[in-house]
């Protein structure tokens, strides 16, 4: 049973995501709003919210500035961006600015349910198809974050390299565990070791810097 706020100015989409939550998370309390000011007011009234599903383009947002304002106002409430945006750089910037996930509005219903479940379980969710792309839809390369020095990557074990490779494809710990045929707790341990060895603070920093790595070259060693 969760308490979730949907902040989106499109009534049909609010209804659709409300149905996703009702069907996938029975008994949850769902609130709705259509602009940032109302969303901010509701977070002040309901500091026990479990999740905010936030549209990037509704009134008052001004893109990612609205996310920053909401995070400043309610830093303890997890925020997920739900948007039609398909630009990989925007997705990663949203996570950098404090969102715990990014769900594209074109996602199938089952994928939305899985994404929300991952986030409510404390994981970060990134859309796999966008994260796998090496270029944004605008055609510019996403190489603002430098790649890891070879010596840091060489410090990773073969299994850790395999886990990192799956991370860069946008896979969750559960998906990685299934793909590599290992326990999810083992994946979590590998992720913690990877972050420590690469000297990064979170999963997103690792994904940002590892996007252009030729994993085959390291795995052949």
Protein backbone atom coordinates (compact mmCIF):
# COMPACT_ATOMS: atom_id res chain seq x y z
CA UNK A 1 0.00 0.00 0.00
CA UNK A 2 1.64 3.18 -1.18
CA UNK A 3 0.82 6.89 -1.30
CA UNK A 4 1.65 8.24 -4.75
CA UNK A 5 1.27 11.65 -6.41
CA UNK A 6 0.79 11.92 -10.18
CA UNK A 7 1.76 15.40 -11.41
CA UNK A 8 0.85 15.75 -15.09
CA UNK A 9 -1.28 18.22 -17.05
CA UNK A 10 -2.77 15.62 -19.42
CA UNK A 11 -5.97 14.13 -17.90
CA UNK A 12 -5.88 11.04 -20.13
CA UNK A 13 -2.33 10.21 -19.13
CA UNK A 14 -3.10 10.80 -15.44
CA UNK A 15 -5.98 8.35 -15.80
CA UNK A 16 -3.75 5.82 -17.58
CA UNK A 17 -0.96 5.92 -14.98
CA UNK A 18 -3.59 5.89 -12.19
CA UNK A 19 -4.90 2.64 -13.66
CA UNK A 20 -1.36 1.21 -13.82
CA UNK A 21 -0.92 1.95 -10.10
CA UNK A 22 -4.38 0.65 -9.14
CA UNK A 23 -3.85 -2.62 -11.01
CA UNK A 24 -0.21 -3.17 -10.04
CA UNK A 25 -0.23 -1.86 -6.47
CA UNK A 26 -3.70 -2.61 -5.09
CA UNK A 27 -4.85 -0.47 -2.19
CA UNK A 28 -2.47 2.42 -2.93
CA UNK A 29 -3.67 5.98 -2.39
CA UNK A 30 -3.23 8.08 -5.53
CA UNK A 31 -3.39 11.88 -5.70
CA UNK A 32 -3.30 13.95 -8.88
CA UNK A 33 -2.29 17.47 -9.86
CA UNK A 34 -1.74 19.33 -13.13
CA UNK A 35 0.98 21.90 -12.36
CA UNK A 36 4.15 22.34 -10.32
CA UNK A 37 2.73 24.82 -7.79
CA UNK A 38 -0.01 22.38 -6.83
CA UNK A 39 2.51 19.55 -6.63
CA UNK A 40 4.68 21.60 -4.28
CA UNK A 41 1.64 22.42 -2.12
CA UNK A 42 0.66 18.75 -1.90
CA UNK A 43 4.17 17.72 -0.83
CA UNK A 44 3.94 20.21 2.02
CA UNK A 45 0.59 18.73 3.10
CA UNK A 46 1.63 15.10 2.62
CA UNK A 47 5.24 14.57 3.66
CA UNK A 48 4.54 10.82 3.89
CA UNK A 49 4.32 10.40 0.10
CA UNK A 50 6.12 7.30 -1.13
CA UNK A 51 6.60 8.53 -4.69
CA UNK A 52 5.98 11.46 -7.05
CA UNK A 53 5.49 10.77 -10.76
CA UNK A 54 6.44 14.08 -12.39
CA UNK A 55 5.85 15.29 -15.95
CA UNK A 56 8.73 17.39 -17.33
CA UNK A 57 6.54 19.65 -19.45
CA UNK A 58 3.54 20.59 -17.32
CA UNK A 59 2.92 24.24 -16.30
CA UNK A 60 5.53 25.68 -13.94
CA UNK A 61 8.18 23.05 -14.63
CA UNK A 62 10.50 24.92 -17.03
CA UNK A 63 12.14 21.60 -17.81
CA UNK A 64 14.50 20.21 -15.19
CA UNK A 65 14.27 23.40 -13.09
CA UNK A 66 10.93 22.14 -11.79
CA UNK A 67 12.57 18.90 -10.68
CA UNK A 68 15.25 20.85 -8.82
CA UNK A 69 12.60 22.99 -7.08
CA UNK A 70 10.64 19.92 -6.04
CA UNK A 71 13.75 18.16 -4.73
CA UNK A 72 14.66 21.25 -2.71
CA UNK A 73 11.14 21.50 -1.29
CA UNK A 74 10.74 17.79 -0.51
CA UNK A 75 14.19 16.15 -0.46
CA UNK A 76 13.00 12.96 1.26
CA UNK A 77 10.27 12.07 -1.27
CA UNK A 78 11.47 10.02 -4.28
CA UNK A 79 10.68 11.65 -7.63
CA UNK A 80 10.34 9.84 -10.97
CA UNK A 81 10.22 11.74 -14.25
CA UNK A 82 7.47 10.48 -16.58
CA UNK A 83 7.91 12.11 -19.97
CA UNK A 84 7.66 11.73 -23.72
CA UNK A 85 11.30 12.90 -23.88
CA UNK A 86 13.65 10.46 -25.64
CA UNK A 87 16.98 12.32 -25.34
CA UNK A 88 19.52 10.24 -23.44
CA UNK A 89 21.26 13.34 -22.08
CA UNK A 90 17.99 14.66 -20.58
CA UNK A 91 17.33 11.27 -19.00
CA UNK A 92 20.76 11.18 -17.35
CA UNK A 93 20.57 14.84 -16.31
CA UNK A 94 17.27 14.14 -14.57
CA UNK A 95 18.93 11.41 -12.52
CA UNK A 96 21.90 13.68 -11.81
CA UNK A 97 19.48 16.35 -10.53
CA UNK A 98 17.90 13.95 -8.05
CA UNK A 99 15.25 11.87 -9.83
CA UNK A 100 15.28 8.19 -8.89
CA UNK A 101 13.96 7.08 -12.24
CA UNK A 102 12.83 8.08 -15.72
CA UNK A 103 9.85 6.44 -17.41
CA UNK A 104 9.00 7.26 -21.01
CA UNK A 105 5.31 7.75 -21.80
CA UNK A 106 5.64 5.39 -24.74
CA UNK A 107 6.56 2.49 -22.42
CA UNK A 108 4.26 -0.54 -22.46
CA UNK A 109 1.98 -0.86 -19.44
CA UNK A 110 3.89 -3.88 -18.09
CA UNK A 111 7.18 -1.99 -18.33
CA UNK A 112 5.72 0.96 -16.42
CA UNK A 113 4.53 -1.38 -13.67
CA UNK A 114 7.95 -3.03 -13.48
CA UNK A 115 9.70 0.37 -13.40
CA UNK A 116 7.51 1.66 -10.56
CA UNK A 117 8.02 -1.58 -8.63
CA UNK A 118 11.81 -1.30 -9.00
CA UNK A 119 11.75 2.29 -7.77
CA UNK A 120 9.48 1.53 -4.80
CA UNK A 121 11.96 -1.22 -3.89
CA UNK A 122 14.72 1.37 -3.69
CA UNK A 123 16.35 0.95 -7.11
CA UNK A 124 17.03 3.54 -9.80
CA UNK A 125 15.18 2.90 -13.06
CA UNK A 126 16.51 4.03 -16.45
CA UNK A 127 14.78 3.27 -19.78
CA UNK A 128 16.91 0.49 -21.33
CA UNK A 129 16.38 1.45 -24.99
CA UNK A 130 17.53 5.03 -24.43
CA UNK A 131 20.47 4.08 -22.22
CA UNK A 132 21.72 1.59 -24.84
CA UNK A 133 21.83 4.30 -27.53
CA UNK A 134 25.28 5.78 -28.08
CA UNK A 135 23.92 9.03 -29.47
CA UNK A 136 21.06 11.24 -28.43
CA UNK A 137 18.24 11.73 -30.97
CA UNK A 138 19.70 15.14 -31.79
CA UNK A 139 22.83 13.38 -33.06
CA UNK A 140 25.35 14.80 -30.60
CA UNK A 141 27.76 12.52 -28.83
CA UNK A 142 27.25 12.12 -25.12
CA UNK A 143 30.86 12.26 -24.03
CA UNK A 144 30.77 15.08 -21.50
CA UNK A 145 31.75 12.68 -18.72
CA UNK A 146 35.24 11.22 -19.17
CA UNK A 147 35.70 7.46 -19.40
CA UNK A 148 37.42 5.57 -16.60
CA UNK A 149 41.22 5.22 -16.76
CA UNK A 150 42.28 1.71 -17.89
CA UNK A 151 43.93 0.94 -14.55
CA UNK A 152 40.59 1.31 -12.72
CA UNK A 153 38.83 -1.02 -15.14
CA UNK A 154 41.67 -3.54 -14.89
CA UNK A 155 41.04 -3.68 -11.14
CA UNK A 156 37.59 -5.17 -11.78
CA UNK A 157 37.13 -8.93 -11.84
CA UNK A 158 35.66 -10.59 -14.92
CA UNK A 159 32.28 -10.99 -13.20
CA UNK A 160 32.32 -7.32 -12.15
CA UNK A 161 33.03 -6.29 -15.75
CA UNK A 162 30.08 -8.38 -16.91
CA UNK A 163 27.83 -6.74 -14.32
CA UNK A 164 29.05 -3.25 -15.30
CA UNK A 165 28.39 -4.04 -18.97
CA UNK A 166 24.80 -5.01 -18.16
CA UNK A 167 24.40 -1.84 -16.05
CA UNK A 168 25.34 0.30 -19.06
CA UNK A 169 22.51 -1.38 -20.99
CA UNK A 170 20.04 -0.06 -18.43
CA UNK A 171 19.35 -3.41 -16.77
CA UNK A 172 18.15 -3.66 -13.17
CA UNK A 173 19.84 -5.88 -10.59
CA UNK A 174 17.05 -8.43 -11.10
CA UNK A 175 17.60 -8.49 -14.88
CA UNK A 176 21.38 -8.77 -14.45
CA UNK A 177 20.96 -11.67 -12.03
CA UNK A 178 18.77 -13.49 -14.55
CA UNK A 179 21.11 -12.81 -17.50
CA UNK A 180 24.27 -13.87 -15.65
CA UNK A 181 22.54 -16.69 -13.73
CA UNK A 182 23.59 -15.44 -10.31
CA UNK A 183 21.67 -14.38 -7.19
CA UNK A 184 20.35 -10.81 -6.99
CA UNK A 185 22.20 -10.37 -3.66
CA UNK A 186 25.42 -11.31 -5.49
CA UNK A 187 24.69 -8.64 -8.13
CA UNK A 188 24.21 -6.04 -5.38
CA UNK A 189 27.57 -7.02 -3.87
CA UNK A 190 29.25 -6.72 -7.29
CA UNK A 191 27.66 -3.30 -7.88
CA UNK A 192 28.93 -2.04 -4.51
CA UNK A 193 32.43 -3.31 -5.33
CA UNK A 194 32.32 -1.73 -8.80
CA UNK A 195 31.36 1.68 -7.43
CA UNK A 196 34.10 1.47 -4.81
CA UNK A 197 36.81 0.40 -7.26
CA UNK A 198 35.81 3.00 -9.86
CA UNK A 199 35.61 5.72 -7.20
CA UNK A 200 32.07 6.82 -8.07
CA UNK A 201 29.20 7.53 -5.71
CA UNK A 202 26.29 5.93 -7.53
CA UNK A 203 25.13 3.73 -10.38
CA UNK A 204 24.37 6.65 -12.70
CA UNK A 205 27.91 8.04 -12.47
CA UNK A 206 29.22 4.61 -13.40
CA UNK A 207 26.85 4.36 -16.39
CA UNK A 208 27.72 7.87 -17.59
CA UNK A 209 31.46 7.17 -17.63
CA UNK A 210 31.29 3.60 -18.88
CA UNK A 211 29.06 4.15 -21.91
CA UNK A 212 31.81 4.00 -24.57
CA UNK A 213 33.99 1.27 -23.01
CA UNK A 214 34.96 -1.67 -25.24
CA UNK A 215 34.12 -4.38 -22.72
CA UNK A 216 35.23 -7.08 -25.13
CA UNK A 217 38.83 -5.85 -24.93
CA UNK A 218 38.88 -6.12 -21.13
CA UNK A 219 37.01 -9.44 -21.01
CA UNK A 220 39.51 -11.02 -23.43
CA UNK A 221 42.46 -10.32 -21.21
